Amino acid sequence: MLILVERTPNPDALKFLPQMRLTDGRGRGFTRDGGDDVDASPLARAIFDLPDVARVYIGEDFVTVARAPDGEAWTTLRIRVIAAIAEALAQGPPAIRLAEEACAAEGLEREIRDVLARHVRPGVARDGGDIVFDRLDPATGVLWVRMEGACGGCPSSRRTLKDAVERIVRRYVPEVTTVAEAEPSAEPRPPAWRRWLDTATAGPSPRPRPQFRHNGRTFRD
């Protein structure tokens, strides 16, 4: 495996390019004292087996390794890092497991949103409502959705979820095991005018209370 090495502005860090894609595009950094977090990356764990490595950053197609300031010189540590990267990547596990899991979850979410838009939303819209993706638990396959518009709080919405929405979604996305309605937020946010009024009248020296005129009459809040 050909692994190129580039210098960085930091004399204690080198950039290693293994000529292959390592992540789904998002990078992630690891520190030696990261604990269980380091276990998410077999590649980072292999590099940290070298005692003089302090930090590892895994990008889409590169690995940046920072050594301890008083650690082994790069003339020898560089060769050892190259060997660790090559051996870890040759064994086959992903560079960052969590990145792959997140990518798979995002792929499922896109599929579900597409199914809702194509096969569910048009029918719900005919009744003056809408159905919105809320969240997905990839581990259990439970999909939460929000029923809005005329369907929000409708007594028949739960039956609609089970008899129609769940059946349709599971047909196109087998990873979904059940569909449930997400709970609405407990505290609705006050309207903008009320938030402005509360701010204007708060404090030791409140502003004059606003007045409103309509048909010659004056109203004070």
C-alpha atoms as a PDB file:
ATOM      1  CA  MET A   1       0.000   0.000   0.000  1.00  0.00           C
ATOM      2  CA  LEU A   2       1.370   3.381  -1.042  1.00  0.00           C
ATOM      3  CA  ILE A   3       1.067   5.968   1.723  1.00  0.00           C
ATOM      4  CA  LEU A   4       2.321   9.455   0.996  1.00  0.00           C
ATOM      5  CA  VAL A   5       3.450  11.839   3.733  1.00  0.00           C
ATOM      6  CA  GLU A   6       3.099  15.614   3.758  1.00  0.00           C
ATOM      7  CA  ARG A   7       4.364  18.196   6.214  1.00  0.00           C
ATOM      8  CA  THR A   8       1.918  20.518   7.971  1.00  0.00           C
ATOM      9  CA  PRO A   9       2.401  23.988   9.509  1.00  0.00           C
ATOM     10  CA  ASN A  10       2.615  22.204  12.858  1.00  0.00           C
ATOM     11  CA  PRO A  11       6.077  20.650  13.262  1.00  0.00           C
ATOM     12  CA  ASP A  12       4.582  18.061  15.617  1.00  0.00           C
ATOM     13  CA  ALA A  13       2.029  16.817  13.048  1.00  0.00           C
ATOM     14  CA  LEU A  14       2.295  15.016   9.723  1.00  0.00           C
ATOM     15  CA  LYS A  15      -0.367  14.267   7.126  1.00  0.00           C
ATOM     16  CA  PHE A  16      -0.556  10.698   5.782  1.00  0.00           C
ATOM     17  CA  LEU A  17      -2.384   9.946   2.518  1.00  0.00           C
ATOM     18  CA  PRO A  18      -3.147   6.234   1.973  1.00  0.00           C
ATOM     19  CA  GLN A  19      -4.620   6.831  -1.525  1.00  0.00           C
ATOM     20  CA  MET A  20      -8.067   5.578  -0.553  1.00  0.00           C
ATOM     21  CA  ARG A  21     -11.358   6.875   0.829  1.00  0.00           C
ATOM     22  CA  LEU A  22     -11.535   6.533   4.601  1.00  0.00           C
ATOM     23  CA  THR A  23     -14.838   8.185   5.626  1.00  0.00           C
ATOM     24  CA  ASP A  24     -18.113   9.336   4.123  1.00  0.00           C
ATOM     25  CA  GLY A  25     -16.736  12.870   3.876  1.00  0.00           C
ATOM     26  CA  ARG A  26     -16.861  13.903   7.516  1.00  0.00           C
ATOM     27  CA  GLY A  27     -13.720  13.898   9.610  1.00  0.00           C
ATOM     28  CA  ARG A  28     -13.255  13.019  13.242  1.00  0.00           C
ATOM     29  CA  GLY A  29     -10.504  13.654  15.757  1.00  0.00           C
ATOM     30  CA  PHE A  30      -9.259  11.375  18.526  1.00  0.00           C
ATOM     31  CA  THR A  31      -6.982  11.904  21.522  1.00  0.00           C
ATOM     32  CA  ARG A  32      -4.963   9.346  23.416  1.00  0.00           C
ATOM     33  CA  ASP A  33      -7.055   9.831  26.560  1.00  0.00           C
ATOM     34  CA  GLY A  34     -10.326   9.624  24.609  1.00  0.00           C
ATOM     35  CA  GLY A  35     -11.276   6.368  26.339  1.00  0.00           C
ATOM     36  CA  ASP A  36     -14.007   4.303  24.672  1.00  0.00           C
ATOM     37  CA  ASP A  37     -14.380   6.966  21.992  1.00  0.00           C
ATOM     38  CA  VAL A  38     -11.180   5.724  20.360  1.00  0.00           C
ATOM     39  CA  ASP A  39     -12.690   2.251  20.032  1.00  0.00           C
ATOM     40  CA  ALA A  40     -15.003   3.667  17.361  1.00  0.00           C
ATOM     41  CA  SER A  41     -11.998   3.767  15.034  1.00  0.00           C
ATOM     42  CA  PRO A  42      -9.844   0.663  14.535  1.00  0.00           C
ATOM     43  CA  LEU A  43      -7.447   2.835  12.551  1.00  0.00           C
ATOM     44  CA  ALA A  44      -6.998   5.375  15.356  1.00  0.00           C
ATOM     45  CA  ARG A  45      -6.602   2.574  17.892  1.00  0.00           C
ATOM     46  CA  ALA A  46      -3.812   0.998  15.808  1.00  0.00           C
ATOM     47  CA  ILE A  47      -1.964   4.312  15.559  1.00  0.00           C
ATOM     48  CA  PHE A  48      -2.313   4.945  19.294  1.00  0.00           C
ATOM     49  CA  ASP A  49      -0.514   1.659  19.901  1.00  0.00           C
ATOM     50  CA  LEU A  50       2.556   3.788  19.201  1.00  0.00           C
ATOM     51  CA  PRO A  51       3.306   5.410  22.582  1.00  0.00           C
ATOM     52  CA  ASP A  52       4.539   8.742  21.206  1.00  0.00           C
ATOM     53  CA  VAL A  53       1.320   9.555  19.287  1.00  0.00           C
ATOM     54  CA  ALA A  54      -0.802  12.217  21.034  1.00  0.00           C
ATOM     55  CA  ARG A  55      -3.659  12.928  18.574  1.00  0.00           C
ATOM     56  CA  VAL A  56      -5.133  11.424  15.412  1.00  0.00           C
ATOM     57  CA  TYR A  57      -7.483  13.083  12.938  1.00  0.00           C
ATOM     58  CA  ILE A  58      -9.110  10.967  10.218  1.00  0.00           C
ATOM     59  CA  GLY A  59     -10.390  12.868   7.197  1.00  0.00           C
ATOM     60  CA  GLU A  60     -12.060  11.709   4.021  1.00  0.00           C
ATOM     61  CA  ASP A  61      -8.837  10.531   2.398  1.00  0.00           C
ATOM     62  CA  PHE A  62      -6.050  11.397   4.850  1.00  0.00           C
ATOM     63  CA  VAL A  63      -4.866  10.873   8.423  1.00  0.00           C
ATOM     64  CA  THR A  64      -3.150  13.592  10.432  1.00  0.00           C
ATOM     65  CA  VAL A  65      -1.020  12.331  13.294  1.00  0.00           C
ATOM     66  CA  ALA A  66       0.349  14.584  16.044  1.00  0.00           C
ATOM     67  CA  ARG A  67       3.177  13.374  18.218  1.00  0.00           C
ATOM     68  CA  ALA A  68       3.930  14.302  21.799  1.00  0.00           C
ATOM     69  CA  PRO A  69       6.252  17.355  21.903  1.00  0.00           C
ATOM     70  CA  ASP A  70       8.991  15.363  23.615  1.00  0.00           C
ATOM     71  CA  GLY A  71       8.232  12.140  21.752  1.00  0.00           C
ATOM     72  CA  GLU A  72      10.128  10.131  19.196  1.00  0.00           C
ATOM     73  CA  ALA A  73      11.592  12.041  16.244  1.00  0.00           C
ATOM     74  CA  TRP A  74       9.650  11.959  12.978  1.00  0.00           C
ATOM     75  CA  THR A  75      12.568  10.333  11.177  1.00  0.00           C
ATOM     76  CA  THR A  76      11.691   7.047  12.863  1.00  0.00           C
ATOM     77  CA  LEU A  77       8.121   7.631  14.091  1.00  0.00           C
ATOM     78  CA  ARG A  78       6.962   8.382  10.541  1.00  0.00           C
ATOM     79  CA  ILE A  79       7.936   4.876   9.386  1.00  0.00           C
ATOM     80  CA  ARG A  80       6.140   3.283  12.315  1.00  0.00           C
ATOM     81  CA  VAL A  81       2.964   5.314  11.654  1.00  0.00           C
ATOM     82  CA  ILE A  82       2.982   4.287   7.985  1.00  0.00           C
ATOM     83  CA  ALA A  83       3.274   0.639   9.004  1.00  0.00           C
ATOM     84  CA  ALA A  84       0.418   0.972  11.535  1.00  0.00           C
ATOM     85  CA  ILE A  85      -1.886   2.623   8.980  1.00  0.00           C
ATOM     86  CA  ALA A  86      -1.108   0.054   6.301  1.00  0.00           C
ATOM     87  CA  GLU A  87      -1.691  -2.887   8.642  1.00  0.00           C
ATOM     88  CA  ALA A  88      -4.967  -1.478  10.026  1.00  0.00           C
ATOM     89  CA  LEU A  89      -6.416  -0.728   6.599  1.00  0.00           C
ATOM     90  CA  ALA A  90      -5.338  -4.100   5.215  1.00  0.00           C
ATOM     91  CA  GLN A  91      -7.384  -5.887   7.879  1.00  0.00           C
ATOM     92  CA  GLY A  92     -10.603  -4.517   6.427  1.00  0.00           C
ATOM     93  CA  PRO A  93     -12.567  -2.793   9.269  1.00  0.00           C
ATOM     94  CA  PRO A  94     -13.809   0.720   8.468  1.00  0.00           C
ATOM     95  CA  ALA A  95     -11.589   3.591   9.518  1.00  0.00           C
ATOM     96  CA  ILE A  96     -14.442   5.006  11.621  1.00  0.00           C
ATOM     97  CA  ARG A  97     -17.316   2.677  12.452  1.00  0.00           C
ATOM     98  CA  LEU A  98     -19.624   5.448  13.607  1.00  0.00           C
ATOM     99  CA  ALA A  99     -19.232   7.269  10.300  1.00  0.00           C
ATOM    100  CA  GLU A 100     -20.513   4.230   8.399  1.00  0.00           C
ATOM    101  CA  GLU A 101     -23.369   3.724  10.831  1.00  0.00           C
ATOM    102  CA  ALA A 102     -24.384   7.368  10.540  1.00  0.00           C
ATOM    103  CA  CYS A 103     -24.189   7.164   6.757  1.00  0.00           C
ATOM    104  CA  ALA A 104     -26.437   4.085   6.735  1.00  0.00           C
ATOM    105  CA  ALA A 105     -28.935   5.807   9.049  1.00  0.00           C
ATOM    106  CA  GLU A 106     -29.005   8.872   6.813  1.00  0.00           C
ATOM    107  CA  GLY A 107     -29.626   6.633   3.822  1.00  0.00           C
ATOM    108  CA  LEU A 108     -32.624   5.057   5.549  1.00  0.00           C
ATOM    109  CA  GLU A 109     -33.969   8.486   6.480  1.00  0.00           C
ATOM    110  CA  ARG A 110     -33.766   9.607   2.863  1.00  0.00           C
ATOM    111  CA  GLU A 111     -35.641   6.482   1.740  1.00  0.00           C
ATOM    112  CA  ILE A 112     -38.349   7.008   4.348  1.00  0.00           C
ATOM    113  CA  ARG A 113     -38.790  10.682   3.504  1.00  0.00           C
ATOM    114  CA  ASP A 114     -39.096   9.786  -0.159  1.00  0.00           C
ATOM    115  CA  VAL A 115     -41.730   7.110   0.563  1.00  0.00           C
ATOM    116  CA  LEU A 116     -43.725   9.515   2.720  1.00  0.00           C
ATOM    117  CA  ALA A 117     -43.590  12.192   0.009  1.00  0.00           C
ATOM    118  CA  ARG A 118     -44.548   9.863  -2.841  1.00  0.00           C
ATOM    119  CA  HIS A 119     -46.990   7.392  -1.339  1.00  0.00           C
ATOM    120  CA  VAL A 120     -48.399   8.849   1.883  1.00  0.00           C
ATOM    121  CA  ARG A 121     -48.453  12.637   1.808  1.00  0.00           C
ATOM    122  CA  PRO A 122     -50.786  13.034  -1.227  1.00  0.00           C
ATOM    123  CA  GLY A 123     -53.540  11.015   0.457  1.00  0.00           C
ATOM    124  CA  VAL A 124     -53.127  12.814   3.779  1.00  0.00           C
ATOM    125  CA  ALA A 125     -53.194  16.184   2.001  1.00  0.00           C
ATOM    126  CA  ARG A 126     -56.631  15.384   0.563  1.00  0.00           C
ATOM    127  CA  ASP A 127     -57.943  15.417   4.134  1.00  0.00           C
ATOM    128  CA  GLY A 128     -56.272  18.763   4.866  1.00  0.00           C
ATOM    129  CA  GLY A 129     -53.360  17.337   6.807  1.00  0.00           C
ATOM    130  CA  ASP A 130     -49.723  16.431   6.490  1.00  0.00           C
ATOM    131  CA  ILE A 131     -47.305  13.808   7.792  1.00  0.00           C
ATOM    132  CA  VAL A 132     -43.735  14.770   8.713  1.00  0.00           C
ATOM    133  CA  PHE A 133     -40.691  12.618   9.463  1.00  0.00           C
ATOM    134  CA  ASP A 134     -39.621  13.130  13.082  1.00  0.00           C
ATOM    135  CA  ARG A 135     -36.897  10.581  13.874  1.00  0.00           C
ATOM    136  CA  LEU A 136     -35.800   6.990  13.336  1.00  0.00           C
ATOM    137  CA  ASP A 137     -34.197   4.549  15.755  1.00  0.00           C
ATOM    138  CA  PRO A 138     -32.021   2.369  13.482  1.00  0.00           C
ATOM    139  CA  ALA A 139     -31.397  -0.127  16.310  1.00  0.00           C
ATOM    140  CA  THR A 140     -35.083  -0.997  16.809  1.00  0.00           C
ATOM    141  CA  GLY A 141     -36.533   0.102  13.472  1.00  0.00           C
ATOM    142  CA  VAL A 142     -39.107   2.361  15.149  1.00  0.00           C
ATOM    143  CA  LEU A 143     -40.114   5.341  13.014  1.00  0.00           C
ATOM    144  CA  TRP A 144     -41.735   8.375  14.638  1.00  0.00           C
ATOM    145  CA  VAL A 145     -43.785  10.770  12.513  1.00  0.00           C
ATOM    146  CA  ARG A 146     -45.852  13.868  13.276  1.00  0.00           C
ATOM    147  CA  MET A 147     -49.403  14.261  12.018  1.00  0.00           C
ATOM    148  CA  GLU A 148     -50.083  17.915  11.273  1.00  0.00           C
ATOM    149  CA  GLY A 149     -52.896  20.068   9.953  1.00  0.00           C
ATOM    150  CA  ALA A 150     -56.311  18.426  10.091  1.00  0.00           C
ATOM    151  CA  CYS A 151     -54.683  15.115  10.979  1.00  0.00           C
ATOM    152  CA  GLY A 152     -53.012  16.452  14.114  1.00  0.00           C
ATOM    153  CA  GLY A 153     -55.018  15.256  17.109  1.00  0.00           C
ATOM    154  CA  CYS A 154     -57.555  13.525  14.870  1.00  0.00           C
ATOM    155  CA  PRO A 155     -59.109  10.500  16.647  1.00  0.00           C
ATOM    156  CA  SER A 156     -58.582   8.338  13.566  1.00  0.00           C
ATOM    157  CA  SER A 157     -54.917   9.299  13.065  1.00  0.00           C
ATOM    158  CA  ARG A 158     -53.625   6.358  15.113  1.00  0.00           C
ATOM    159  CA  ARG A 159     -55.653   3.932  13.024  1.00  0.00           C
ATOM    160  CA  THR A 160     -54.378   5.636   9.876  1.00  0.00           C
ATOM    161  CA  LEU A 161     -50.805   5.163  11.050  1.00  0.00           C
ATOM    162  CA  LYS A 162     -51.245   1.436  11.605  1.00  0.00           C
ATOM    163  CA  ASP A 163     -53.598   0.569   8.744  1.00  0.00           C
ATOM    164  CA  ALA A 164     -52.004   2.669   6.017  1.00  0.00           C
ATOM    165  CA  VAL A 165     -48.787   4.516   6.831  1.00  0.00           C
ATOM    166  CA  GLU A 166     -47.018   1.638   8.579  1.00  0.00           C
ATOM    167  CA  ARG A 167     -48.024  -0.846   5.900  1.00  0.00           C
ATOM    168  CA  ILE A 168     -46.812   1.420   3.077  1.00  0.00           C
ATOM    169  CA  VAL A 169     -43.522   2.386   4.716  1.00  0.00           C
ATOM    170  CA  ARG A 170     -42.650  -1.203   5.677  1.00  0.00           C
ATOM    171  CA  ARG A 171     -43.391  -2.333   2.135  1.00  0.00           C
ATOM    172  CA  TYR A 172     -40.761   0.009   0.678  1.00  0.00           C
ATOM    173  CA  VAL A 173     -38.358   0.177   3.646  1.00  0.00           C
ATOM    174  CA  PRO A 174     -38.218  -3.251   5.348  1.00  0.00           C
ATOM    175  CA  GLU A 175     -35.820  -1.925   8.008  1.00  0.00           C
ATOM    176  CA  VAL A 176     -38.778  -0.103   9.602  1.00  0.00           C
ATOM    177  CA  THR A 177     -40.534  -2.369  12.104  1.00  0.00           C
ATOM    178  CA  THR A 178     -43.262  -0.047  13.346  1.00  0.00           C
ATOM    179  CA  VAL A 179     -44.536   3.511  12.930  1.00  0.00           C
ATOM    180  CA  ALA A 180     -45.509   5.630  15.927  1.00  0.00           C
ATOM    181  CA  GLU A 181     -46.781   9.163  16.369  1.00  0.00           C
ATOM    182  CA  ALA A 182     -44.320  11.562  17.989  1.00  0.00           C
ATOM    183  CA  GLU A 183     -45.547  13.469  20.998  1.00  0.00           C
ATOM    184  CA  PRO A 184     -46.176  17.165  20.353  1.00  0.00           C
ATOM    185  CA  SER A 185     -44.099  19.668  22.283  1.00  0.00           C
ATOM    186  CA  ALA A 186     -45.570  20.258  25.736  1.00  0.00           C
ATOM    187  CA  GLU A 187     -45.015  24.042  25.841  1.00  0.00           C
ATOM    188  CA  PRO A 188     -45.980  25.942  22.699  1.00  0.00           C
ATOM    189  CA  ARG A 189     -43.719  28.910  22.113  1.00  0.00           C
ATOM    190  CA  PRO A 190     -45.491  32.225  22.776  1.00  0.00           C
ATOM    191  CA  PRO A 191     -46.119  34.440  19.766  1.00  0.00           C
ATOM    192  CA  ALA A 192     -43.528  37.018  18.790  1.00  0.00           C
ATOM    193  CA  TRP A 193     -45.628  39.965  19.969  1.00  0.00           C
ATOM    194  CA  ARG A 194     -45.980  38.433  23.446  1.00  0.00           C
ATOM    195  CA  ARG A 195     -42.224  37.794  23.730  1.00  0.00           C
ATOM    196  CA  TRP A 196     -41.553  41.410  22.694  1.00  0.00           C
ATOM    197  CA  LEU A 197     -44.079  42.710  25.207  1.00  0.00           C
ATOM    198  CA  ASP A 198     -42.608  40.653  28.047  1.00  0.00           C
ATOM    199  CA  THR A 199     -39.157  41.997  27.232  1.00  0.00           C
ATOM    200  CA  ALA A 200     -40.339  45.589  26.933  1.00  0.00           C
ATOM    201  CA  THR A 201     -42.098  45.585  30.316  1.00  0.00           C
ATOM    202  CA  ALA A 202     -39.476  43.611  32.227  1.00  0.00           C
ATOM    203  CA  GLY A 203     -36.726  45.043  34.401  1.00  0.00           C
ATOM    204  CA  PRO A 204     -36.556  47.789  37.025  1.00  0.00           C
ATOM    205  CA  SER A 205     -37.517  50.551  34.551  1.00  0.00           C
ATOM    206  CA  PRO A 206     -40.063  49.112  32.166  1.00  0.00           C
ATOM    207  CA  ARG A 207     -40.950  50.936  29.030  1.00  0.00           C
ATOM    208  CA  PRO A 208     -44.406  52.528  28.779  1.00  0.00           C
ATOM    209  CA  ARG A 209     -47.045  49.924  28.099  1.00  0.00           C
ATOM    210  CA  PRO A 210     -48.001  49.971  24.435  1.00  0.00           C
ATOM    211  CA  GLN A 211     -51.310  51.423  23.370  1.00  0.00           C
ATOM    212  CA  PHE A 212     -53.413  50.363  20.407  1.00  0.00           C
ATOM    213  CA  ARG A 213     -56.154  52.425  18.763  1.00  0.00           C
ATOM    214  CA  HIS A 214     -59.054  50.986  16.817  1.00  0.00           C
ATOM    215  CA  ASN A 215     -62.198  52.841  15.703  1.00  0.00           C
ATOM    216  CA  GLY A 216     -61.338  55.810  17.915  1.00  0.00           C
ATOM    217  CA  ARG A 217     -60.876  53.698  21.054  1.00  0.00           C
ATOM    218  CA  THR A 218     -57.594  53.245  22.931  1.00  0.00           C
ATOM    219  CA  PHE A 219     -56.616  49.824  24.259  1.00  0.00           C
ATOM    220  CA  ARG A 220     -53.815  49.116  26.711  1.00  0.00           C
ATOM    221  CA  ASP A 221     -52.390  45.637  27.180  1.00  0.00           C
END
